[in-house]
Structure formats: C-alpha cells, structure tokens
Amino acid sequence: VLASRFGQAAPAVLVAIPLAPIVITAMFADPRLAVVAVVATFPIGSIALRSPLPPIEMAEAAVAIVSALVLLKRVATDKAPLRWHPAMWWMFALLIWTIVAFASAVDSALAIKQIASLAGGFLFALVVATACATMRDVRFVLLGFVIIAGLIATTAVIGGDQFQSELGGTQVAGRLRGAFDHPNQLGTICAMLALVAAGLAFGARSVRARVFSLLAIPVLVSGLALSLSRGAWIGAGIGALYLALVLPQARRAILVVTVPLAIVAALIGPSLPANPQIQVVQERLGVLTVRSPYDDRPAIWAEAMREIREDPLTGQGPGGFPVASVRAGSEASSVAAYHAHNVLLTWGAESGIPAVMLLLGFFISVAIAARRATKSAA
C-alpha cells in the first residue's frame, strides 16, 4: 500500500510511522529540536508522490510542520505566536515586493515557487528567532547543525568517487557531493559549519560540545576540500581570516596547529607517494580564479544586466531568469543559465532594483545586530 502511494519514499514513510509521534512530541516540548530537524532534512531533497501534485521538498514540508508545532506551543503557553526581530522588516518588505513583481513574471509557475520559497524562508527565520531566546539556545542549535553536517560530510567522504580532471583542473568529474544535487551545495554547508564548529570549539560551555566540535572540524574540512568548490574555499578562507582577527585564542590555535603541520609536510611531503586525489585538489587550487571554457559567466552577467535595464522596477518576475536568459535577444541564450551566478544580479534581473536595495538593507541590519550582540556578549 505504501509503495503504491509513495513510490521510492515508501521505506522512509514506513520508518516514520512509529517514529513520527515521538519526534513530534520532542519538537513540541523543545522548539530547538524543531529547528535542528529542519536542517536534518536538507540532503533528502524532494520526494515524488504518485499523485497529480508536484514533488515535495522535504525541507519545505519540514518548515511547515515545525512552524505549526512552534506556533501551537507558543499559543498554548499564552505567548506571542512568533518572536519578531527588527531585521525581518527588510525581508517582509522583500516578500511583499516579490508579490508585486509577480505581475511581470515571464513564467507564473516559477514565480509562485520562488514566492513560496521566500515565504518559507521568512517563516523559518522567525521560528529560529523564537526558538533561540538565549545564547545557550543558540549554542544548542549550532551544535546540532555541526553534528548533522559532520554526518553528511562523513557519508560523502566514505562514498566518494575518483576524480577525473580535465582542462588543467577547471573541470573535474567525480567531485564529492554526498546527498546533495551539486558539489557546491556540499562545499557550502561544509564551509559554513566548519567555521561554526571552530567558533563552538572556543565558545562552547561544556566539554562534550567542544569535543564534538573539534571532531567535526577535520571531517567538514575534508568534505569542503573534496567537493572542489572554489567558491566555498574562498568563503571559508575569508571566514577563517575574520575568525583569526576577532578571536585572539583562534590566532594562537592557528599558530600552534598550522606551524608544526607545515614543518612536517615540508619534511616528509616529497617522500610520500603521489596521490591522484591530492594532485587534483592541488590542480584545482592552481586554477582558483580561472573559469572553464564552458563556463561563460561574462555572458551570463551581461544577460542579467540586460534584464535589469529592460525592466529596472520589477525585473522579469520572481524565478524568471532561466526563462528570460534563453529568449530571443538574450546575451546568454547559448548558455541557458539557471541563475546569474551572483545573488544581487539574480535578484535584480528577476525582481528589479528595489529588491536589490532591500537585500542590501537586510544584510547591513543583520551585520549591525551581530556586531551589537558581540559587544553585549563581550
């Protein structure tokens, strides 16, 4: 019966039947577990049901369930449904503006999907703010993120394939991606959570949390390295530099760890047998800023600018870049890009310049809030 209704998802549904009441009860009792549960669904992707409905993204379904549980818990205890944060006014305005930009959508289905995704992200951000009322809650949730990311990276490293490098490392087949759709997704989550793990290694209040964080760092760094995601590498490097600048203990730890490793590598590295995987990683590092001949990003960026000039107010409509970029007169019709390879250009092309300004306002407000929280903690 389950197989006929849920297809390949039938085994997961069968396991979920006895576990779901336990998990739901735990999330209702502790909203922090609800936040961690949403992140745990990231690598699952979508589940195709044998019905007229489109595939359901597990993360989106999890956000809906978790939000309902948190709302019920808050209402049951006579509290406001969700805790508000001033920075969210920017995202609320962005959500309203994408609804306004729907009128210019070149593809209604993509526009509805984009608006629904943004609304889900907006709701989940409020759920996180509600669940994390204290720094202890924040550390709990971040540790949960680190443990989940460590498990994802571990399974990815164990099940990885051999690299096949082409064009001097600008193109590599067999890159590590784990349960994700693309290696860049694995690289991104490993880069972010490796830095979070490093922060917890210094800032956690319990020995157990620090041990988990320290154990997760090499696993996450391995997943980051073998994903061969150059953007994630650059982001991780900038994040590590910032960590070293703001935390004196981080600078001492880097010196204590990296200097002996560098000396050992210089002494015994030349005598070790050549490892093809390491050689490909070295090639990839050597072409860190070199694009593949098949990656025509200048044409994609030019197409984004063309779309912004064509309609600077509301753009081509939410989620419309994949359709607009292949129309007649497009600067990137031969590339058929899914996005503009730039957050601000993508939003500008799809929802206009006002969306870009709202995003920048959100970034700045979050940075100010983080700075204020850092001073308060210090």
Protein backbone atom coordinates (compact mmCIF):
# COMPACT_ATOMS: atom_id res chain seq x y z
CA VAL A 1 0.00 0.00 0.00
CA LEU A 2 2.79 2.44 0.89
CA ALA A 3 4.74 1.64 -2.28
CA SER A 4 1.69 2.33 -4.44
CA ARG A 5 1.16 5.70 -2.79
CA PHE A 6 4.68 6.96 -2.07
CA GLY A 7 6.92 5.17 -4.59
CA GLN A 8 10.61 5.31 -3.65
CA ALA A 9 9.77 7.13 -0.42
CA ALA A 10 7.83 4.13 0.92
CA PRO A 11 10.67 2.81 3.17
CA ALA A 12 11.13 6.25 4.74
CA VAL A 13 7.40 6.55 5.33
CA LEU A 14 7.31 3.07 6.89
CA VAL A 15 10.06 4.05 9.34
CA ALA A 16 8.42 7.42 10.02
CA ILE A 17 5.08 5.91 11.09
CA PRO A 18 6.28 4.74 14.56
CA LEU A 19 8.91 7.48 14.94
CA ALA A 20 6.78 10.47 13.92
CA PRO A 21 4.78 10.74 17.19
CA ILE A 22 7.97 10.58 19.26
CA VAL A 23 9.75 13.19 17.13
CA ILE A 24 6.72 15.50 17.05
CA THR A 25 6.33 15.28 20.83
CA ALA A 26 10.02 16.09 21.34
CA MET A 27 9.85 19.07 18.95
CA PHE A 28 6.70 20.34 20.65
CA ALA A 29 8.43 20.14 24.03
CA ASP A 30 11.66 21.79 22.81
CA PRO A 31 11.44 24.15 19.78
CA ARG A 32 15.23 24.00 19.41
CA LEU A 33 14.90 20.37 18.29
CA ALA A 34 12.39 21.54 15.69
CA VAL A 35 14.94 23.93 14.18
CA VAL A 36 17.61 21.22 14.07
CA ALA A 37 15.11 18.79 12.50
CA VAL A 38 14.56 21.13 9.55
CA VAL A 39 18.29 21.27 8.83
CA ALA A 40 18.45 17.47 9.03
CA THR A 41 16.11 17.28 6.02
CA PHE A 42 18.33 19.39 3.73
CA PRO A 43 20.12 16.50 2.00
CA ILE A 44 16.93 14.50 1.44
CA GLY A 45 15.81 16.71 -1.41
CA SER A 46 12.38 16.19 -2.90
CA ILE A 47 10.01 13.24 -2.68
CA ALA A 48 7.90 12.49 -5.74
CA LEU A 49 4.42 11.28 -4.81
CA ARG A 50 2.34 9.23 -7.19
CA SER A 51 -0.30 11.90 -7.45
CA PRO A 52 -1.09 14.95 -9.62
CA LEU A 53 0.81 17.08 -7.09
CA PRO A 54 4.38 18.17 -7.93
CA PRO A 55 7.34 16.74 -5.95
CA ILE A 56 7.50 17.99 -2.37
CA GLU A 57 10.76 19.37 -0.99
CA MET A 58 11.37 17.75 2.38
CA ALA A 59 12.84 20.96 3.82
CA GLU A 60 9.73 22.92 2.81
CA ALA A 61 7.43 20.29 4.32
CA ALA A 62 9.56 20.26 7.47
CA VAL A 63 9.33 24.07 7.79
CA ALA A 64 5.53 23.89 7.56
CA ILE A 65 5.30 21.14 10.21
CA VAL A 66 7.83 22.73 12.54
CA SER A 67 6.24 26.17 12.26
CA ALA A 68 2.85 24.72 13.15
CA LEU A 69 4.32 22.96 16.21
CA VAL A 70 6.13 26.08 17.45
CA LEU A 71 3.02 28.21 16.94
CA LEU A 72 0.88 25.71 18.87
CA LYS A 73 3.42 25.59 21.69
CA ARG A 74 3.56 29.39 21.96
CA VAL A 75 -0.21 29.82 21.84
CA ALA A 76 -0.68 27.04 24.42
CA THR A 77 1.61 28.90 26.83
CA ASP A 78 -0.09 32.30 26.26
CA LYS A 79 2.84 33.78 24.36
CA ALA A 80 3.06 35.68 21.09
CA PRO A 81 2.98 33.22 18.16
CA LEU A 82 6.50 34.14 16.99
CA ARG A 83 9.28 36.40 18.26
CA TRP A 84 9.94 39.30 15.89
CA HIS A 85 13.33 40.78 15.03
CA PRO A 86 13.75 44.28 13.52
CA ALA A 87 15.93 42.95 10.67
CA MET A 88 12.97 40.92 9.44
CA TRP A 89 11.17 44.07 8.31
CA TRP A 90 13.54 44.09 5.34
CA MET A 91 12.64 40.52 4.42
CA PHE A 92 8.95 41.22 4.92
CA ALA A 93 9.24 44.14 2.51
CA LEU A 94 11.15 41.91 0.05
CA LEU A 95 8.39 39.30 0.24
CA ILE A 96 5.75 41.94 -0.48
CA TRP A 97 7.81 43.30 -3.37
CA THR A 98 8.17 39.86 -4.99
CA ILE A 99 4.38 39.57 -4.86
CA VAL A 100 4.17 42.95 -6.61
CA ALA A 101 6.73 41.79 -9.19
CA PHE A 102 4.59 38.73 -9.93
CA ALA A 103 2.67 40.88 -12.44
CA SER A 104 5.74 40.95 -14.71
CA ALA A 105 6.57 37.24 -14.37
CA VAL A 106 7.64 35.51 -17.58
CA ASP A 107 6.74 32.16 -16.02
CA SER A 108 3.92 32.05 -13.47
CA ALA A 109 4.83 28.60 -12.11
CA LEU A 110 8.43 29.63 -11.40
CA ALA A 111 7.24 32.89 -9.84
CA ILE A 112 4.82 31.13 -7.48
CA LYS A 113 7.54 28.66 -6.49
CA GLN A 114 10.00 31.50 -5.79
CA ILE A 115 7.48 33.46 -3.70
CA ALA A 116 6.53 30.33 -1.73
CA SER A 117 10.20 29.53 -1.12
CA LEU A 118 10.89 33.06 0.12
CA ALA A 119 7.83 32.94 2.37
CA GLY A 120 9.03 29.63 3.82
CA GLY A 121 12.49 31.06 4.48
CA PHE A 122 10.94 34.13 6.11
CA LEU A 123 8.80 31.93 8.37
CA PHE A 124 11.71 29.65 9.29
CA ALA A 125 13.86 32.66 10.24
CA LEU A 126 11.16 33.74 12.69
CA VAL A 127 10.94 30.19 14.05
CA VAL A 128 14.71 30.23 14.66
CA ALA A 129 14.48 33.60 16.41
CA THR A 130 11.63 32.25 18.54
CA ALA A 131 13.41 29.02 19.47
CA CYS A 132 16.72 30.74 20.29
CA ALA A 133 15.82 33.08 23.13
CA THR A 134 19.22 32.85 24.87
CA MET A 135 22.85 32.26 23.92
CA ARG A 136 22.52 28.78 25.40
CA ASP A 137 19.76 28.05 22.89
CA VAL A 138 21.93 29.40 20.07
CA ARG A 139 24.82 27.16 21.06
CA PHE A 140 22.50 24.14 21.26
CA VAL A 141 21.10 24.73 17.77
CA LEU A 142 24.52 25.42 16.26
CA LEU A 143 25.92 22.25 17.79
CA GLY A 144 23.03 20.33 16.24
CA PHE A 145 23.87 21.88 12.88
CA VAL A 146 27.52 20.90 13.25
CA ILE A 147 26.70 17.28 14.15
CA ILE A 148 24.30 16.91 11.19
CA ALA A 149 26.78 18.48 8.77
CA GLY A 150 29.53 16.22 10.14
CA LEU A 151 27.40 13.14 9.45
CA ILE A 152 26.61 14.40 5.94
CA ALA A 153 30.31 15.04 5.22
CA THR A 154 31.32 11.67 6.66
CA THR A 155 28.94 9.71 4.42
CA ALA A 156 30.01 11.81 1.44
CA VAL A 157 33.73 11.19 2.02
CA ILE A 158 33.19 7.45 2.53
CA GLY A 159 31.13 7.12 -0.65
CA GLY A 160 33.26 9.42 -2.82
CA ASP A 161 34.48 8.56 -6.33
CA GLN A 162 37.84 9.04 -8.01
CA PHE A 163 38.43 12.45 -9.55
CA GLN A 164 38.83 12.82 -13.30
CA SER A 165 40.46 16.14 -14.05
CA GLU A 166 40.15 17.95 -17.39
CA LEU A 167 41.48 21.23 -18.74
CA GLY A 168 44.08 21.60 -16.02
CA GLY A 169 41.59 21.28 -13.16
CA THR A 170 38.99 23.78 -14.37
CA GLN A 171 36.65 20.83 -14.90
CA VAL A 172 36.63 17.76 -12.64
CA ALA A 173 34.31 14.77 -12.78
CA GLY A 174 33.59 12.74 -9.65
CA ARG A 175 33.56 15.72 -7.29
CA LEU A 176 32.20 14.93 -3.84
CA ARG A 177 28.55 15.88 -3.43
CA GLY A 178 27.12 13.38 -0.94
CA ALA A 179 23.35 13.51 -0.70
CA PHE A 180 23.11 16.89 -2.41
CA ASP A 181 22.35 17.68 -6.05
CA HIS A 182 25.64 19.51 -6.68
CA PRO A 183 29.15 19.55 -5.15
CA ASN A 184 28.86 23.28 -4.50
CA GLN A 185 26.00 22.60 -2.08
CA LEU A 186 28.12 20.18 -0.08
CA GLY A 187 31.07 22.58 -0.18
CA THR A 188 28.91 25.46 1.04
CA ILE A 189 27.44 23.64 4.03
CA CYS A 190 30.87 22.25 4.97
CA ALA A 191 32.46 25.70 4.73
CA MET A 192 29.82 27.36 6.90
CA LEU A 193 29.61 24.64 9.53
CA ALA A 194 33.40 24.18 9.74
CA LEU A 195 33.63 27.82 10.84
CA VAL A 196 30.69 27.37 13.22
CA ALA A 197 32.44 24.29 14.67
CA ALA A 198 35.59 26.34 15.15
CA GLY A 199 33.60 29.02 16.96
CA LEU A 200 31.97 26.43 19.20
CA ALA A 201 35.36 24.87 19.95
CA PHE A 202 36.27 28.20 21.55
CA GLY A 203 32.86 29.31 22.83
CA ALA A 204 31.02 26.16 23.95
CA ARG A 205 30.31 25.94 27.67
CA SER A 206 30.59 22.15 28.03
CA VAL A 207 33.48 19.77 27.38
CA ARG A 208 31.20 17.48 25.38
CA ALA A 209 30.21 20.26 22.98
CA ARG A 210 33.83 21.25 22.47
CA VAL A 211 34.84 17.63 21.79
CA PHE A 212 32.04 17.20 19.22
CA SER A 213 33.06 20.47 17.55
CA LEU A 214 36.75 19.55 17.43
CA LEU A 215 35.93 16.11 15.97
CA ALA A 216 33.68 17.67 13.33
CA ILE A 217 36.23 20.20 12.05
CA PRO A 218 38.56 17.75 10.17
CA VAL A 219 35.57 15.90 8.71
CA LEU A 220 33.95 19.11 7.48
CA VAL A 221 37.26 20.41 6.10
CA SER A 222 37.72 17.12 4.24
CA GLY A 223 34.25 17.40 2.72
CA LEU A 224 34.99 21.02 1.79
CA ALA A 225 38.31 20.12 0.16
CA LEU A 226 36.98 17.13 -1.81
CA SER A 227 33.91 18.99 -3.03
CA LEU A 228 36.37 21.09 -5.09
CA SER A 229 34.01 24.04 -4.72
CA ARG A 230 36.22 27.04 -5.30
CA GLY A 231 33.57 29.49 -4.13
CA ALA A 232 33.22 27.58 -0.85
CA TRP A 233 37.01 27.52 -0.48
CA ILE A 234 37.20 31.30 -0.88
CA GLY A 235 34.33 31.82 1.56
CA ALA A 236 35.92 29.51 4.13
CA GLY A 237 39.25 31.32 3.77
CA ILE A 238 37.64 34.73 4.34
CA GLY A 239 35.69 33.37 7.30
CA ALA A 240 38.80 31.84 8.84
CA LEU A 241 40.64 35.14 8.42
CA TYR A 242 37.83 37.01 10.17
CA LEU A 243 37.80 34.41 12.97
CA ALA A 244 41.52 34.90 13.45
CA LEU A 245 41.13 38.68 13.54
CA VAL A 246 38.36 38.81 16.14
CA LEU A 247 39.44 35.93 18.42
CA PRO A 248 42.93 36.07 19.98
CA GLN A 249 42.61 32.43 21.06
CA ALA A 250 41.91 31.50 17.44
CA ARG A 251 45.16 33.13 16.36
CA ARG A 252 47.08 31.16 18.98
CA ALA A 253 45.38 27.92 17.96
CA ILE A 254 46.18 28.51 14.29
CA LEU A 255 49.85 29.06 15.11
CA VAL A 256 50.00 26.02 17.40
CA VAL A 257 48.39 23.74 14.80
CA THR A 258 49.47 25.03 11.39
CA VAL A 259 53.13 25.76 12.03
CA PRO A 260 54.03 22.18 13.13
CA LEU A 261 51.90 20.73 10.31
CA ALA A 262 53.66 22.93 7.76
CA ILE A 263 57.07 21.84 9.03
CA VAL A 264 56.11 18.15 8.95
CA ALA A 265 54.61 18.49 5.46
CA ALA A 266 57.76 20.19 4.18
CA LEU A 267 59.98 17.46 5.63
CA ILE A 268 58.09 14.30 4.67
CA GLY A 269 55.83 15.53 1.87
CA PRO A 270 58.32 14.99 -1.02
CA SER A 271 58.99 11.40 0.07
CA LEU A 272 55.30 10.37 0.09
CA PRO A 273 53.85 8.58 -2.97
CA ALA A 274 51.77 10.75 -5.26
CA ASN A 275 48.03 10.57 -4.53
CA PRO A 276 45.83 11.27 -7.58
CA GLN A 277 43.10 12.80 -5.41
CA ILE A 278 45.54 15.21 -3.76
CA GLN A 279 47.03 16.09 -7.14
CA VAL A 280 43.59 17.07 -8.46
CA VAL A 281 42.98 19.21 -5.37
CA GLN A 282 46.33 20.93 -5.98
CA GLU A 283 45.40 21.49 -9.64
CA ARG A 284 42.08 22.97 -8.54
CA LEU A 285 43.87 25.33 -6.16
CA GLY A 286 46.13 26.39 -9.01
CA VAL A 287 43.13 27.47 -11.11
CA LEU A 288 41.22 29.06 -8.24
CA THR A 289 40.27 32.12 -10.30
CA VAL A 290 40.32 30.50 -13.76
CA ARG A 291 36.94 29.69 -15.32
CA SER A 292 36.25 26.71 -17.52
CA PRO A 293 35.95 27.45 -21.26
CA TYR A 294 32.38 26.14 -20.99
CA ASP A 295 31.52 28.46 -18.10
CA ASP A 296 30.66 31.69 -19.93
CA ARG A 297 29.91 33.81 -16.89
CA PRO A 298 30.64 37.18 -18.54
CA ALA A 299 27.79 36.45 -20.96
CA ILE A 300 25.54 35.43 -18.05
CA TRP A 301 26.37 38.59 -16.09
CA ALA A 302 25.78 40.69 -19.21
CA GLU A 303 22.40 38.99 -19.63
CA ALA A 304 21.47 39.85 -16.04
CA MET A 305 22.37 43.48 -16.64
CA ARG A 306 20.32 43.47 -19.88
CA GLU A 307 17.30 42.16 -18.00
CA ILE A 308 17.72 44.81 -15.29
CA ARG A 309 17.91 47.59 -17.91
CA GLU A 310 14.87 46.18 -19.69
CA ASP A 311 12.74 46.39 -16.51
CA PRO A 312 14.59 48.01 -13.60
CA LEU A 313 11.47 48.24 -11.41
CA THR A 314 10.09 44.68 -11.24
CA GLY A 315 12.51 42.72 -13.45
CA GLN A 316 11.43 39.60 -15.33
CA GLY A 317 9.38 38.32 -12.40
CA PRO A 318 10.37 36.11 -9.45
CA GLY A 319 12.25 33.00 -10.53
CA GLY A 320 12.17 34.04 -14.17
CA PHE A 321 15.89 34.17 -15.01
CA PRO A 322 16.08 30.63 -16.51
CA VAL A 323 13.30 31.52 -18.97
CA ALA A 324 14.37 35.09 -19.73
CA SER A 325 18.00 34.07 -20.35
CA VAL A 326 17.10 31.86 -23.34
CA ARG A 327 14.70 34.21 -25.10
CA ALA A 328 15.49 35.93 -28.35
CA GLY A 329 17.85 38.83 -27.79
CA SER A 330 19.37 37.26 -24.70
CA GLU A 331 23.08 37.71 -24.01
CA ALA A 332 23.29 34.10 -22.75
CA SER A 333 20.84 32.14 -24.91
CA SER A 334 23.54 29.56 -25.76
CA VAL A 335 24.36 29.02 -22.07
CA ALA A 336 20.82 28.60 -20.68
CA ALA A 337 21.86 29.68 -17.18
CA TYR A 338 19.66 28.79 -14.23
CA HIS A 339 20.76 31.92 -12.34
CA ALA A 340 23.14 34.84 -12.78
CA HIS A 341 25.96 33.36 -10.63
CA ASN A 342 25.60 36.42 -8.42
CA VAL A 343 22.99 36.92 -5.71
CA LEU A 344 22.39 40.62 -6.32
CA LEU A 345 22.36 40.31 -10.13
CA THR A 346 19.90 37.42 -9.94
CA TRP A 347 17.52 39.35 -7.70
CA GLY A 348 17.90 42.49 -9.79
CA ALA A 349 17.11 40.61 -13.01
CA GLU A 350 14.12 38.81 -11.51
CA SER A 351 12.57 41.38 -9.13
CA GLY A 352 14.18 44.68 -10.04
CA ILE A 353 16.50 47.16 -8.36
CA PRO A 354 14.18 47.69 -5.33
CA ALA A 355 14.69 44.01 -4.42
CA VAL A 356 18.46 44.52 -4.52
CA MET A 357 18.20 47.53 -2.19
CA LEU A 358 16.00 45.56 0.23
CA LEU A 359 18.50 42.70 0.27
CA LEU A 360 21.37 45.09 0.97
CA GLY A 361 19.36 46.65 3.79
CA PHE A 362 18.79 43.19 5.28
CA PHE A 363 22.50 42.32 5.04
CA ILE A 364 23.51 45.56 6.76
CA SER A 365 20.87 45.23 9.50
CA VAL A 366 21.97 41.66 10.28
CA ALA A 367 25.61 42.78 10.41
CA ILE A 368 24.70 45.58 12.83
CA ALA A 369 22.70 43.18 15.01
CA ALA A 370 25.57 40.68 15.05
CA ARG A 371 28.02 43.40 16.00
CA ARG A 372 25.74 44.61 18.77
CA ALA A 373 25.31 41.07 20.09
CA THR A 374 29.07 40.52 20.01
CA LYS A 375 29.66 43.65 22.11
CA SER A 376 26.97 42.61 24.58
CA ALA A 377 28.47 39.14 24.93
CA ALA A 378 31.94 40.59 25.44
